[in-house]
Structure formats: C-alpha cells, structure tokens
Amino acid sequence: MRRRRARGQLWAFVHLGLRQVLDLLLLLFRREGSKEGELLTLRHEVEVLRRQVGRRAYEPADRALLAALSRLLPRSSWGTFGVTPVTLLSWHRRLVARRWTYPHRPLGRPPVDEEVTALVVCLARENPRWGYRRIHGELGKLGVRLGTSTIAKVLKDHGLGPAPRRSGPTRRAFLRAQASGVVATDSFHVDTVLFKRLYVLFFIELGRRRVRTTGVTGHPNSLWVTQQTRNVTGDLADADITARILVRDRDTKYVASFDNVFKAEGAEIL
C-alpha cells in the first residue's frame, strides 16, 4: 500500500512538472506586455483567494514543486509563495530525513541485574589492583557470565576507573591542565537541496576554544583527509601552537596517513 501510494505521488509530481514546463515554453513566445498584465492579474486573484481561504492544504507533489521553484527565485521574493521560507526549509528537512531513514534495529543488551552490578562494584573497590579481565574471571568462577566491556561500563557508571588507579584527576581536570596542547577533530555532514551529502572536517584548539574548518567535500577519501591534516598542522605552526595530543574517534576516515602527519609533529593520538 505504501509503495503504491509513493508511486502515485511520484507520477503526480511528474505530471505537474511537465505541465509547468509546457506553460513556460508557451510563455517564451508571448509579448512582454501581455506577460506583465497577466502576472498582475494573477497576483491580485491570489490575494483575493488568500483572504477567503483559511489554512491551505498542499499535496506532496505541490510541496516538491514549490521547493524546486523556490531555488529559481531570490530569497527576497519568497514572499510570493503561500508558505513562509521556514516552512519550505522544513519540507526539505523532512525529505532528507525520509531519504536517510534506515530500518529500526532491535534493542541492544538487556540491563544488568542489580545484584550483579553490586557484586562487580564490590570486587573493584575491595581489590583496586584487579582489572576488568580479572574481575571477569572471578565472576566466571561464581557462575556469573558478564563481558569485560559491560564490567567497564558498570564501573564507569559508578565513578570507578581502570586498574591500578581507580581514583585521581577526572577527565575535566585533565583537559584543563593539558588544554593548551590538546587538539580535537571531528566531522559532520550537511544535505543540500538535491540530497547531495557534503562532509565538513574541523579541528578544535581546546586551549583557546577556537574551531578551524579545513574543507568541505562530497567524497572524504584518504587523500583529501590527509591533505586537510597537512593544512591544519601548518596553520598551527604559524600560530606557534604545539599539538601534543590529538583526540579523535574511530571513524574510518581517519586513515594511517592522517595519524602520521600529527605523529611527525610529535603529537600523540588518542
């Protein structure tokens, strides 16, 4: 049913688009005076209809056509539409979300039992030199099956770090002390009107809280990422900033050549 409905909406949009194209071709052979007169007449009729009609209902084909026609007019002329620019942009965001919607996956791991959680925390506090694998082994002797990653998460939720030191400076305190030499990197994407996805790579100097945007591309391959890294290291050197630590995630875009550029500058990759 949904597929038939989407197919019908597609044909409605194609039919509406062909009609507009034919009307545009006919307008090319008319005199300028008649075009301007008809335009003024239509504008006045639209104003009269807007006063008579309350909330207007738009079909999906109407929304797609209006969103496409809005690209042919400057933003200052968008007031001629029956909807506001905010509505046009919301339509586009809705289309982008529909395009990139993936099937829902089942939920992850079941929650850990409270008694098992208390047992993990008790073992970690009474034995501060025991690591995740040692606690995993001791739980196995008691017949409790629990993964090391789950044990690490339980201890982290209770404020207990890895062995042998489960107390000390927090992440916030560490970053404050080392901020002048820490650079973090990440990326985000933007979807254009024609659903083309653009990727933006940026770096943050934690000491000055300054963001450096290096480039935008539709294909973030290894050559492009490595070149952006060379650009930002050159900018940091010009600003007399020494990056001792680079913080990044495990995205596949960060290839070995990306890390090597920072390692050549004496930075450690976290």
Protein backbone atom coordinates (compact mmCIF):
# COMPACT_ATOMS: atom_id res chain seq x y z
CA MET A 1 0.00 0.00 0.00
CA ARG A 2 2.76 2.46 0.90
CA ARG A 3 4.68 1.62 -2.27
CA ARG A 4 1.58 2.21 -4.42
CA ARG A 5 0.97 5.47 -2.65
CA ALA A 6 4.56 6.65 -3.19
CA ARG A 7 4.36 5.67 -6.86
CA GLY A 8 1.16 7.70 -7.24
CA GLN A 9 2.78 10.74 -5.62
CA LEU A 10 5.76 10.42 -7.96
CA TRP A 11 3.56 10.36 -11.07
CA ALA A 12 1.60 13.32 -9.73
CA PHE A 13 4.82 15.28 -9.36
CA VAL A 14 5.98 14.30 -12.88
CA HIS A 15 2.63 15.35 -14.37
CA LEU A 16 2.69 18.64 -12.52
CA GLY A 17 6.28 19.31 -13.56
CA LEU A 18 5.55 18.62 -17.25
CA ARG A 19 2.62 21.00 -17.16
CA GLN A 20 4.80 23.74 -15.73
CA VAL A 21 7.49 23.16 -18.33
CA LEU A 22 4.97 23.37 -21.18
CA ASP A 23 3.49 26.56 -19.71
CA LEU A 24 6.99 28.01 -19.52
CA LEU A 25 7.66 27.20 -23.18
CA LEU A 26 4.42 28.89 -24.21
CA LEU A 27 5.35 31.98 -22.23
CA LEU A 28 8.60 32.34 -24.18
CA PHE A 29 6.63 33.18 -27.36
CA ARG A 30 4.39 35.82 -25.80
CA ARG A 31 4.93 39.57 -25.67
CA GLU A 32 6.30 41.16 -22.51
CA GLY A 33 3.30 43.43 -22.08
CA SER A 34 0.80 40.58 -22.01
CA LYS A 35 3.00 38.64 -19.56
CA GLU A 36 3.16 41.53 -17.11
CA GLY A 37 -0.58 42.14 -17.36
CA GLU A 38 -1.37 38.50 -16.69
CA LEU A 39 1.12 38.45 -13.82
CA LEU A 40 -0.56 41.41 -12.11
CA THR A 41 -3.98 39.82 -12.62
CA LEU A 42 -2.87 36.51 -11.13
CA ARG A 43 -1.25 38.22 -8.16
CA HIS A 44 -4.47 40.06 -7.39
CA GLU A 45 -6.53 36.88 -7.71
CA VAL A 46 -4.14 35.11 -5.33
CA GLU A 47 -4.56 37.88 -2.77
CA VAL A 48 -8.35 37.61 -3.05
CA LEU A 49 -8.24 33.84 -2.60
CA ARG A 50 -5.94 34.11 0.40
CA ARG A 51 -8.48 36.32 2.12
CA GLN A 52 -11.23 33.75 1.50
CA VAL A 53 -9.38 30.53 2.25
CA GLY A 54 -8.04 29.65 5.70
CA ARG A 55 -5.35 27.04 6.13
CA ARG A 56 -4.24 25.72 2.72
CA ALA A 57 -3.64 22.01 2.15
CA TYR A 58 -0.67 21.05 -0.04
CA GLU A 59 -0.20 17.66 -1.67
CA PRO A 60 3.32 16.12 -1.65
CA ALA A 61 3.69 16.97 -5.37
CA ASP A 62 2.79 20.61 -4.63
CA ARG A 63 5.38 20.78 -1.87
CA ALA A 64 8.12 19.29 -4.06
CA LEU A 65 7.34 21.66 -6.94
CA LEU A 66 7.23 24.76 -4.72
CA ALA A 67 10.51 23.75 -3.07
CA ALA A 68 12.10 23.36 -6.52
CA LEU A 69 10.72 26.66 -7.84
CA SER A 70 12.00 28.46 -4.75
CA ARG A 71 15.55 27.83 -5.99
CA LEU A 72 14.82 29.89 -9.14
CA LEU A 73 13.88 32.99 -7.16
CA PRO A 74 15.97 35.14 -4.81
CA ARG A 75 15.18 34.80 -1.14
CA SER A 76 13.71 38.32 -1.11
CA SER A 77 10.96 37.10 -3.50
CA TRP A 78 9.93 34.09 -1.44
CA GLY A 79 7.05 36.13 -0.03
CA THR A 80 5.11 35.34 -3.22
CA PHE A 81 4.64 31.77 -2.02
CA GLY A 82 1.72 30.78 0.14
CA VAL A 83 4.12 29.46 2.76
CA THR A 84 6.99 31.03 4.66
CA PRO A 85 10.68 30.30 3.99
CA VAL A 86 10.78 28.40 7.30
CA THR A 87 8.08 26.05 6.00
CA LEU A 88 9.96 25.49 2.73
CA LEU A 89 13.11 24.57 4.67
CA SER A 90 11.14 22.26 6.96
CA TRP A 91 9.79 20.44 3.90
CA HIS A 92 13.34 19.93 2.71
CA ARG A 93 14.48 18.60 6.10
CA ARG A 94 11.55 16.18 6.06
CA LEU A 95 12.52 14.88 2.61
CA VAL A 96 16.15 14.45 3.73
CA ALA A 97 15.07 12.55 6.85
CA ARG A 98 12.86 10.27 4.74
CA ARG A 99 15.73 9.59 2.34
CA TRP A 100 18.18 8.61 5.10
CA THR A 101 15.76 6.64 7.31
CA TYR A 102 17.07 3.15 7.97
CA PRO A 103 15.18 0.13 9.33
CA HIS A 104 14.97 0.09 13.10
CA ARG A 105 17.26 -2.38 14.78
CA PRO A 106 16.27 -4.40 17.82
CA LEU A 107 17.32 -3.14 21.22
CA GLY A 108 20.82 -3.87 22.49
CA ARG A 109 21.93 -5.80 25.52
CA PRO A 110 19.50 -6.41 28.38
CA PRO A 111 20.14 -4.40 31.55
CA VAL A 112 22.50 -5.85 34.16
CA ASP A 113 20.86 -7.24 37.28
CA GLU A 114 21.21 -5.02 40.37
CA GLU A 115 22.77 -7.82 42.43
CA VAL A 116 25.39 -8.48 39.73
CA THR A 117 26.11 -4.74 39.50
CA ALA A 118 26.63 -4.54 43.27
CA LEU A 119 28.93 -7.57 43.12
CA VAL A 120 31.08 -6.01 40.35
CA VAL A 121 31.40 -2.73 42.27
CA CYS A 122 32.24 -4.60 45.49
CA LEU A 123 35.02 -6.62 43.82
CA ALA A 124 36.51 -3.49 42.24
CA ARG A 125 36.52 -1.48 45.48
CA GLU A 126 37.91 -4.26 47.65
CA ASN A 127 40.56 -5.16 45.07
CA PRO A 128 41.78 -1.88 43.49
CA ARG A 129 44.53 -3.66 41.50
CA TRP A 130 42.11 -6.01 39.75
CA GLY A 131 41.44 -5.10 36.13
CA TYR A 132 38.39 -5.82 34.02
CA ARG A 133 39.65 -9.25 32.90
CA ARG A 134 40.48 -10.32 36.46
CA ILE A 135 37.00 -9.33 37.64
CA HIS A 136 35.58 -11.15 34.62
CA GLY A 137 37.45 -14.30 35.62
CA GLU A 138 36.35 -14.13 39.27
CA LEU A 139 32.73 -13.67 38.20
CA GLY A 140 33.05 -16.73 35.94
CA LYS A 141 34.13 -18.80 38.98
CA LEU A 142 30.89 -17.73 40.67
CA GLY A 143 28.84 -18.72 37.62
CA VAL A 144 28.15 -15.14 36.53
CA ARG A 145 28.58 -14.54 32.79
CA LEU A 146 29.40 -10.89 32.09
CA GLY A 147 31.54 -9.36 29.34
CA THR A 148 34.58 -7.20 30.08
CA SER A 149 33.06 -4.24 28.20
CA THR A 150 29.94 -4.48 30.38
CA ILE A 151 32.12 -4.59 33.51
CA ALA A 152 33.95 -1.47 32.33
CA LYS A 153 30.65 0.31 31.76
CA VAL A 154 29.33 -0.65 35.20
CA LEU A 155 32.48 0.63 36.91
CA LYS A 156 32.44 3.83 34.86
CA ASP A 157 28.80 4.48 35.83
CA HIS A 158 29.85 4.19 39.49
CA GLY A 159 32.84 6.50 39.13
CA LEU A 160 35.48 3.75 39.15
CA GLY A 161 38.23 3.90 36.55
CA PRO A 162 40.55 1.18 35.27
CA ALA A 163 43.12 -0.53 37.50
CA PRO A 164 45.53 0.00 39.14
CA ARG A 165 44.37 3.54 39.97
CA ARG A 166 40.62 3.90 40.36
CA SER A 167 40.81 7.45 41.66
CA GLY A 168 42.60 10.57 40.55
CA PRO A 169 42.05 13.54 38.24
CA THR A 170 38.82 13.48 36.30
CA ARG A 171 38.63 13.94 32.54
CA ARG A 172 37.61 17.56 33.03
CA ALA A 173 40.61 18.23 35.32
CA PHE A 174 42.96 16.51 32.89
CA LEU A 175 41.72 18.57 29.95
CA ARG A 176 42.03 21.81 31.92
CA ALA A 177 45.63 21.03 32.77
CA GLN A 178 46.58 19.90 29.26
CA ALA A 179 44.22 22.06 27.17
CA SER A 180 46.92 24.26 25.66
CA GLY A 181 48.42 21.28 23.82
CA VAL A 182 45.26 19.31 23.02
CA VAL A 183 43.60 19.42 19.59
CA ALA A 184 40.36 17.53 18.91
CA THR A 185 38.95 16.69 15.50
CA ASP A 186 35.61 15.51 14.18
CA SER A 187 33.35 15.87 11.15
CA PHE A 188 29.71 16.50 10.37
CA HIS A 189 27.60 16.38 7.21
CA VAL A 190 25.08 18.67 5.52
CA ASP A 191 22.44 17.62 2.97
CA THR A 192 21.84 20.01 0.06
CA VAL A 193 18.55 20.71 -1.73
CA LEU A 194 19.27 17.94 -4.25
CA PHE A 195 20.09 15.46 -1.42
CA LYS A 196 23.83 15.62 -2.03
CA ARG A 197 25.68 14.95 1.23
CA LEU A 198 28.67 17.21 1.98
CA TYR A 199 31.19 16.39 4.71
CA VAL A 200 32.94 19.05 6.80
CA LEU A 201 36.16 18.29 8.70
CA PHE A 202 37.11 20.59 11.57
CA PHE A 203 39.65 20.84 14.40
CA ILE A 204 39.26 22.46 17.84
CA GLU A 205 42.07 24.04 19.86
CA LEU A 206 40.90 23.27 23.40
CA GLY A 207 43.18 25.86 24.95
CA ARG A 208 41.64 28.80 23.07
CA ARG A 209 38.36 27.09 22.14
CA ARG A 210 38.98 28.01 18.53
CA VAL A 211 37.48 25.96 15.68
CA ARG A 212 39.40 25.53 12.44
CA THR A 213 37.35 24.35 9.45
CA THR A 214 39.68 22.90 6.83
CA GLY A 215 37.42 21.96 3.92
CA VAL A 216 34.17 20.61 2.52
CA THR A 217 33.81 17.67 0.14
CA GLY A 218 31.30 15.13 -1.08
CA HIS A 219 33.88 12.33 -1.07
CA PRO A 220 36.06 12.31 2.09
CA ASN A 221 38.68 9.84 0.87
CA SER A 222 42.12 9.25 2.39
CA LEU A 223 43.93 11.74 0.11
CA TRP A 224 41.55 14.57 0.98
CA VAL A 225 41.66 13.88 4.73
CA THR A 226 45.45 13.71 4.73
CA GLN A 227 45.75 16.99 2.83
CA GLN A 228 43.41 18.75 5.28
CA THR A 229 45.60 17.45 8.11
CA ARG A 230 48.70 18.95 6.50
CA ASN A 231 46.86 22.26 6.13
CA VAL A 232 45.83 22.43 9.78
CA THR A 233 49.26 21.44 11.12
CA GLY A 234 50.77 24.23 9.02
CA ASP A 235 48.23 26.70 10.44
CA LEU A 236 49.01 25.57 13.99
CA ALA A 237 52.74 26.00 13.38
CA ASP A 238 52.16 29.53 12.03
CA ALA A 239 50.16 30.35 15.19
CA ASP A 240 53.03 28.98 17.34
CA ILE A 241 50.83 26.21 18.78
CA THR A 242 52.34 22.82 19.59
CA ALA A 243 49.83 19.98 19.47
CA ARG A 244 50.96 17.37 22.00
CA ILE A 245 47.73 15.33 21.92
CA LEU A 246 45.19 14.77 19.13
CA VAL A 247 41.78 13.45 20.24
CA ARG A 248 39.63 11.72 17.62
CA ASP A 249 37.08 8.92 17.34
CA ARG A 250 37.43 5.61 15.47
CA ASP A 251 35.87 6.80 12.21
CA THR A 252 37.26 5.00 9.16
CA LYS A 253 38.01 8.36 7.52
CA TYR A 254 40.99 8.77 9.86
CA VAL A 255 43.45 6.61 7.97
CA ALA A 256 47.06 5.84 8.92
CA SER A 257 48.43 8.75 6.85
CA PHE A 258 46.18 11.09 8.88
CA ASP A 259 47.79 9.97 12.14
CA ASN A 260 51.30 10.03 10.65
CA VAL A 261 51.06 13.76 9.89
CA PHE A 262 50.43 14.56 13.56
CA LYS A 263 52.90 11.98 14.79
CA ALA A 264 55.57 13.67 12.66
CA GLU A 265 54.86 16.84 14.64
CA GLY A 266 55.38 14.98 17.92
CA ALA A 267 51.69 14.55 18.82
CA GLU A 268 50.17 11.52 20.49
CA ILE A 269 46.93 10.12 19.04
CA LEU A 270 44.11 9.36 21.48
